[in-house]
């Protein structure tokens, strides 16, 4: 029967890594990590994040529960557009802003919507 090989201790692993020029540094005070694509995003809440360095390269290691979320399109509407729609449609600021959001920033569409009472 072949003798079982003893697993190296954490101390031995750290020493070997240091010999090879590899270091691991934990990043503290990270509450959330977000990886965003075109259609979805991956969110890791309360992650354990480390930077692994070897030579000139750095690798970020993230551990934790990954949650997949849909990307919500944030529409930024300029104040001037809201004021213009409010003036042309004869409505208040909030109604103009709401119409612009519903029409995804289309000025003419928002004005027509407000004037037609839809």
Protein backbone atom coordinates (compact mmCIF):
# COMPACT_ATOMS: atom_id res chain seq x y z
CA UNK A 1 0.00 0.00 0.00
CA UNK A 2 1.32 3.41 -0.99
CA UNK A 3 1.63 5.92 1.90
CA UNK A 4 -0.68 8.93 1.73
CA UNK A 5 1.02 12.18 0.90
CA UNK A 6 0.55 14.83 3.54
CA UNK A 7 -1.27 17.97 2.37
CA UNK A 8 0.83 21.13 2.73
CA UNK A 9 -0.19 23.52 5.48
CA UNK A 10 -1.43 27.04 4.74
CA UNK A 11 1.92 28.32 5.95
CA UNK A 12 3.79 26.09 3.50
CA UNK A 13 1.51 27.12 0.65
CA UNK A 14 2.07 30.80 1.46
CA UNK A 15 5.84 30.28 1.60
CA UNK A 16 5.85 28.46 -1.76
CA UNK A 17 3.71 31.14 -3.37
CA UNK A 18 6.05 33.84 -2.08
CA UNK A 19 9.01 31.93 -3.55
CA UNK A 20 7.23 31.90 -6.94
CA UNK A 21 6.49 35.64 -6.73
CA UNK A 22 2.76 35.25 -6.08
CA UNK A 23 1.03 37.36 -3.45
CA UNK A 24 -2.59 37.55 -2.33
CA UNK A 25 -3.98 40.73 -0.79
CA UNK A 26 -7.55 40.91 0.52
CA UNK A 27 -9.58 44.03 -0.38
CA UNK A 28 -11.50 45.21 2.66
CA UNK A 29 -14.79 47.11 2.86
CA UNK A 30 -16.25 45.89 -0.46
CA UNK A 31 -20.06 45.68 -0.18
CA UNK A 32 -21.02 44.69 -3.70
CA UNK A 33 -19.38 43.71 -6.99
CA UNK A 34 -21.26 44.28 -10.26
CA UNK A 35 -20.26 42.78 -13.61
CA UNK A 36 -22.37 44.41 -16.30
CA UNK A 37 -22.96 43.10 -19.83
CA UNK A 38 -25.23 44.33 -22.61
CA UNK A 39 -28.35 42.47 -21.49
CA UNK A 40 -27.70 41.26 -17.95
CA UNK A 41 -25.57 41.94 -14.95
CA UNK A 42 -24.10 39.69 -12.29
CA UNK A 43 -24.14 41.04 -8.75
CA UNK A 44 -22.19 39.62 -5.81
CA UNK A 45 -23.39 41.02 -2.47
CA UNK A 46 -21.04 40.90 0.56
CA UNK A 47 -18.20 39.45 -1.53
CA UNK A 48 -14.77 38.31 -0.39
CA UNK A 49 -12.41 40.04 -2.82
CA UNK A 50 -8.68 39.41 -3.17
CA UNK A 51 -6.01 40.68 -5.53
CA UNK A 52 -3.62 37.96 -6.65
CA UNK A 53 -0.35 39.40 -8.02
CA UNK A 54 2.30 37.52 -9.94
CA UNK A 55 4.93 39.47 -11.79
CA UNK A 56 3.36 42.47 -13.51
CA UNK A 57 -0.07 40.80 -13.63
CA UNK A 58 -2.91 41.25 -11.18
CA UNK A 59 -6.00 39.05 -10.97
CA UNK A 60 -9.06 39.93 -8.94
CA UNK A 61 -10.68 36.96 -7.24
CA UNK A 62 -14.29 37.34 -6.11
CA UNK A 63 -16.05 34.84 -3.88
CA UNK A 64 -19.72 34.91 -2.92
CA UNK A 65 -23.24 34.24 -4.08
CA UNK A 66 -23.81 35.49 -7.63
CA UNK A 67 -27.23 36.89 -8.49
CA UNK A 68 -28.17 37.52 -12.12
CA UNK A 69 -30.24 40.67 -12.72
CA UNK A 70 -31.77 42.30 -15.77
CA UNK A 71 -30.22 45.59 -16.81
CA UNK A 72 -32.63 48.42 -16.24
CA UNK A 73 -32.12 51.15 -18.78
CA UNK A 74 -31.60 54.44 -17.01
CA UNK A 75 -32.90 57.26 -19.12
CA UNK A 76 -31.42 60.64 -18.36
CA UNK A 77 -33.65 63.40 -19.61
CA UNK A 78 -32.16 66.89 -19.80
CA UNK A 79 -33.93 69.61 -17.81
CA UNK A 80 -34.25 71.69 -20.99
CA UNK A 81 -36.24 68.88 -22.66
CA UNK A 82 -38.62 68.63 -19.72
CA UNK A 83 -39.13 72.41 -19.68
CA UNK A 84 -39.74 72.46 -23.45
CA UNK A 85 -42.32 69.65 -23.31
CA UNK A 86 -44.06 71.29 -20.33
CA UNK A 87 -44.25 74.61 -22.19
CA UNK A 88 -45.40 73.19 -25.55
CA UNK A 89 -47.96 70.80 -24.03
CA UNK A 90 -49.17 73.26 -21.39
CA UNK A 91 -48.55 70.90 -18.45
CA UNK A 92 -46.50 70.99 -15.26
CA UNK A 93 -42.92 69.77 -14.89
CA UNK A 94 -43.78 66.36 -13.39
CA UNK A 95 -46.31 65.51 -16.12
CA UNK A 96 -43.79 66.48 -18.80
CA UNK A 97 -41.06 64.40 -17.17
CA UNK A 98 -43.36 61.37 -16.86
CA UNK A 99 -44.39 61.63 -20.51
CA UNK A 100 -40.76 61.89 -21.63
CA UNK A 101 -39.84 58.79 -19.62
CA UNK A 102 -42.79 56.87 -21.07
CA UNK A 103 -41.80 57.97 -24.58
CA UNK A 104 -38.11 57.12 -23.90
CA UNK A 105 -36.97 60.72 -24.37
CA UNK A 106 -38.89 61.41 -27.62
CA UNK A 107 -39.86 65.10 -27.39
CA UNK A 108 -42.48 65.05 -30.15
CA UNK A 109 -44.01 61.82 -28.85
CA UNK A 110 -44.27 63.22 -25.32
CA UNK A 111 -45.88 66.47 -26.53
CA UNK A 112 -48.38 64.60 -28.72
CA UNK A 113 -49.20 62.22 -25.89
CA UNK A 114 -49.84 65.06 -23.47
CA UNK A 115 -51.88 67.12 -25.95
CA UNK A 116 -54.03 64.15 -26.91
CA UNK A 117 -54.70 63.36 -23.24
CA UNK A 118 -53.57 59.73 -23.40
